[in-house]
Amino acid sequence: MTFSIRPALIADAARCAEIYRPFVTDGWTSFETDPPDAGEMASRIAAYGASHAWLVAQDADGLILGYAYGSPHRSRVAYATSADVGIYVDPATARRGIGKALYLALFPLLREKGLHAVFAGIALPNPGSIGLHEAVGFTPVGIYREVGWKMGGWRDVGWWQRLL
């Protein structure tokens, strides 16, 4: 599959929201309970795209296949050189190298903005996400046990870190 990676535009918000929706509604991958609409996603693209970076992968026809972004890790000043990262790929195009390519394009942009470490929270179990993150250099740092309640049960979140 041929695809390219570019910075996200506000015009990509509806498609990003469409990709993200099943991760919110059909499982516990995301701890959000209401999927954001295109307007909310546009706000996130604008904010995180400016402060950190937000990238999309698109096919030759311009269809967005997935996205990755950086966002603030915590609000206190000493955390300013750390970021959380997130990545979502349309399940119809998963396991084709899109996620890895998005992350490998995102990390240099975050480093250029002065970031030193990135963190990924992964709702467990999720062997696919763990495999992706470890394939691009993340290492596990710990697990928050029963940190969230979603879909009728307590959910653990594992945390992975990568130094840039």
Protein backbone atom coordinates (compact mmCIF):
# COMPACT_ATOMS: atom_id res chain seq x y z
CA MET A 1 0.00 0.00 0.00
CA THR A 2 1.33 3.39 -1.00
CA PHE A 3 0.80 6.29 1.36
CA SER A 4 2.36 9.60 2.27
CA ILE A 5 2.63 11.49 5.54
CA ARG A 6 1.98 15.18 6.02
CA PRO A 7 0.97 17.64 8.74
CA ALA A 8 -2.73 17.47 9.58
CA LEU A 9 -5.06 20.20 8.39
CA ILE A 10 -8.30 21.36 9.96
CA ALA A 11 -9.97 19.89 6.86
CA ASP A 12 -8.81 16.43 8.04
CA ALA A 13 -10.81 16.67 11.28
CA ALA A 14 -13.92 14.80 10.13
CA ARG A 15 -11.90 11.86 8.82
CA CYS A 16 -9.73 11.76 11.96
CA ALA A 17 -12.91 11.72 14.07
CA GLU A 18 -14.28 8.91 11.89
CA ILE A 19 -11.12 6.83 12.39
CA TYR A 20 -11.13 7.46 16.15
CA ARG A 21 -14.84 6.76 16.74
CA PRO A 22 -14.66 2.92 16.98
CA PHE A 23 -11.74 3.13 19.40
CA VAL A 24 -14.07 5.07 21.71
CA THR A 25 -17.35 3.24 21.13
CA ASP A 26 -16.36 -0.37 20.49
CA GLY A 27 -13.71 -1.04 23.10
CA TRP A 28 -11.58 0.37 25.86
CA THR A 29 -8.60 1.44 23.74
CA SER A 30 -9.60 5.03 24.44
CA PHE A 31 -10.88 6.09 27.83
CA GLU A 32 -13.16 8.66 26.25
CA THR A 33 -16.79 7.62 26.41
CA ASP A 34 -18.23 10.02 23.83
CA PRO A 35 -16.43 10.21 20.50
CA PRO A 36 -15.40 13.73 19.55
CA ASP A 37 -17.13 15.25 16.56
CA ALA A 38 -15.32 16.98 13.70
CA GLY A 39 -15.41 20.33 15.51
CA GLU A 40 -13.73 18.96 18.62
CA MET A 41 -11.20 17.06 16.52
CA ALA A 42 -10.44 20.28 14.61
CA SER A 43 -9.73 22.01 17.93
CA ARG A 44 -7.33 19.22 18.90
CA ILE A 45 -5.56 19.31 15.54
CA ALA A 46 -5.13 23.08 15.85
CA ALA A 47 -3.89 22.97 19.44
CA TYR A 48 -1.60 19.95 19.32
CA GLY A 49 -0.46 20.66 15.79
CA ALA A 50 0.78 24.06 16.96
CA SER A 51 2.24 23.06 20.32
CA HIS A 52 3.68 19.67 19.34
CA ALA A 53 2.80 18.02 16.01
CA TRP A 54 -0.11 16.19 14.38
CA LEU A 55 0.47 14.09 11.28
CA VAL A 56 -1.79 12.14 8.96
CA ALA A 57 -1.07 9.31 6.56
CA GLN A 58 -3.01 9.43 3.31
CA ASP A 59 -3.29 7.16 0.31
CA ALA A 60 -2.75 8.19 -3.31
CA ASP A 61 -6.38 9.33 -3.55
CA GLY A 62 -6.03 11.59 -0.49
CA LEU A 63 -7.98 9.33 1.93
CA ILE A 64 -6.68 9.68 5.48
CA LEU A 65 -5.61 6.23 6.73
CA GLY A 66 -4.43 7.18 10.21
CA TYR A 67 -2.91 9.88 12.36
CA ALA A 68 -0.38 10.43 15.12
CA TYR A 69 0.19 13.37 17.41
CA GLY A 70 2.07 14.69 20.39
CA SER A 71 0.44 16.50 23.29
CA PRO A 72 1.53 17.89 26.67
CA HIS A 73 2.53 15.20 29.15
CA ARG A 74 1.65 17.20 32.27
CA SER A 75 0.97 20.87 33.01
CA ARG A 76 3.85 21.63 35.39
CA VAL A 77 6.78 23.45 33.84
CA ALA A 78 9.38 20.76 34.58
CA TYR A 79 7.45 18.40 32.27
CA ALA A 80 7.68 20.77 29.30
CA THR A 81 10.25 18.61 27.51
CA SER A 82 8.06 15.51 27.71
CA ALA A 83 5.03 14.66 25.59
CA ASP A 84 2.32 12.05 25.37
CA VAL A 85 1.82 10.55 21.95
CA GLY A 86 -1.18 8.90 20.38
CA ILE A 87 -1.73 7.03 17.17
CA TYR A 88 -4.85 5.72 15.48
CA VAL A 89 -5.01 3.85 12.18
CA ASP A 90 -8.18 2.89 10.35
CA PRO A 91 -8.67 -0.80 11.28
CA ALA A 92 -9.26 -1.56 7.58
CA THR A 93 -5.65 -0.57 6.87
CA ALA A 94 -3.96 -1.81 10.06
CA ARG A 95 -0.75 -3.85 9.98
CA ARG A 96 0.54 -2.27 6.77
CA GLY A 97 3.29 -0.13 8.29
CA ILE A 98 1.22 3.04 8.56
CA GLY A 99 1.51 3.36 12.33
CA LYS A 100 5.25 2.79 12.34
CA ALA A 101 5.78 5.30 9.53
CA LEU A 102 3.65 7.90 11.33
CA TYR A 103 5.63 7.53 14.56
CA LEU A 104 9.00 7.61 12.78
CA ALA A 105 7.94 10.86 11.09
CA LEU A 106 6.54 12.33 14.33
CA PHE A 107 9.58 11.79 16.58
CA PRO A 108 11.99 14.10 14.70
CA LEU A 109 9.38 16.87 14.69
CA LEU A 110 8.95 16.58 18.44
CA ARG A 111 12.73 16.52 18.96
CA GLU A 112 13.04 19.70 16.84
CA LYS A 113 10.56 21.37 19.21
CA GLY A 114 12.88 20.61 22.13
CA LEU A 115 11.13 17.54 23.48
CA HIS A 116 13.26 14.89 25.16
CA ALA A 117 10.92 12.03 26.09
CA VAL A 118 7.61 10.71 24.81
CA PHE A 119 5.12 8.52 26.64
CA ALA A 120 2.37 6.25 25.39
CA GLY A 121 -0.45 4.96 27.56
CA ILE A 122 -1.88 1.66 26.31
CA ALA A 123 -5.12 0.27 27.70
CA LEU A 124 -4.47 -3.39 28.40
CA PRO A 125 -4.60 -5.92 26.94
CA ASN A 126 -3.54 -4.66 23.53
CA PRO A 127 -0.75 -6.78 22.03
CA GLY A 128 -0.93 -4.98 18.66
CA SER A 129 -0.30 -1.57 20.19
CA ILE A 130 2.42 -2.91 22.47
CA GLY A 131 4.13 -4.50 19.47
CA LEU A 132 4.00 -1.28 17.48
CA HIS A 133 5.36 0.84 20.32
CA GLU A 134 8.19 -1.54 21.12
CA ALA A 135 9.05 -1.81 17.40
CA VAL A 136 9.72 1.95 17.32
CA GLY A 137 11.81 2.01 20.48
CA PHE A 138 9.43 2.36 23.40
CA THR A 139 10.17 0.45 26.60
CA PRO A 140 7.67 -0.35 29.36
CA VAL A 141 7.86 1.78 32.50
CA GLY A 142 4.86 0.64 34.54
CA ILE A 143 1.20 -0.17 34.80
CA TYR A 144 -1.60 1.81 36.39
CA ARG A 145 -3.82 -0.97 37.73
CA GLU A 146 -7.61 -0.55 37.48
CA VAL A 147 -7.20 3.11 36.64
CA GLY A 148 -10.29 3.40 34.47
CA TRP A 149 -13.79 1.96 34.35
CA LYS A 150 -15.08 1.32 30.87
CA MET A 151 -17.40 -1.18 29.21
CA GLY A 152 -18.38 -2.79 32.50
CA GLY A 153 -14.94 -3.40 33.94
CA TRP A 154 -11.82 -1.95 35.47
CA ARG A 155 -9.07 -1.32 32.94
CA ASP A 156 -5.32 -1.22 33.40
CA VAL A 157 -3.10 1.16 31.46
CA GLY A 158 0.48 0.30 30.70
CA TRP A 159 2.93 3.12 30.12
CA TRP A 160 5.77 3.02 27.64
CA GLN A 161 8.54 5.58 27.18
CA ARG A 162 10.95 6.51 24.40
CA LEU A 163 13.76 9.03 24.67
CA LEU A 164 14.11 11.19 21.59
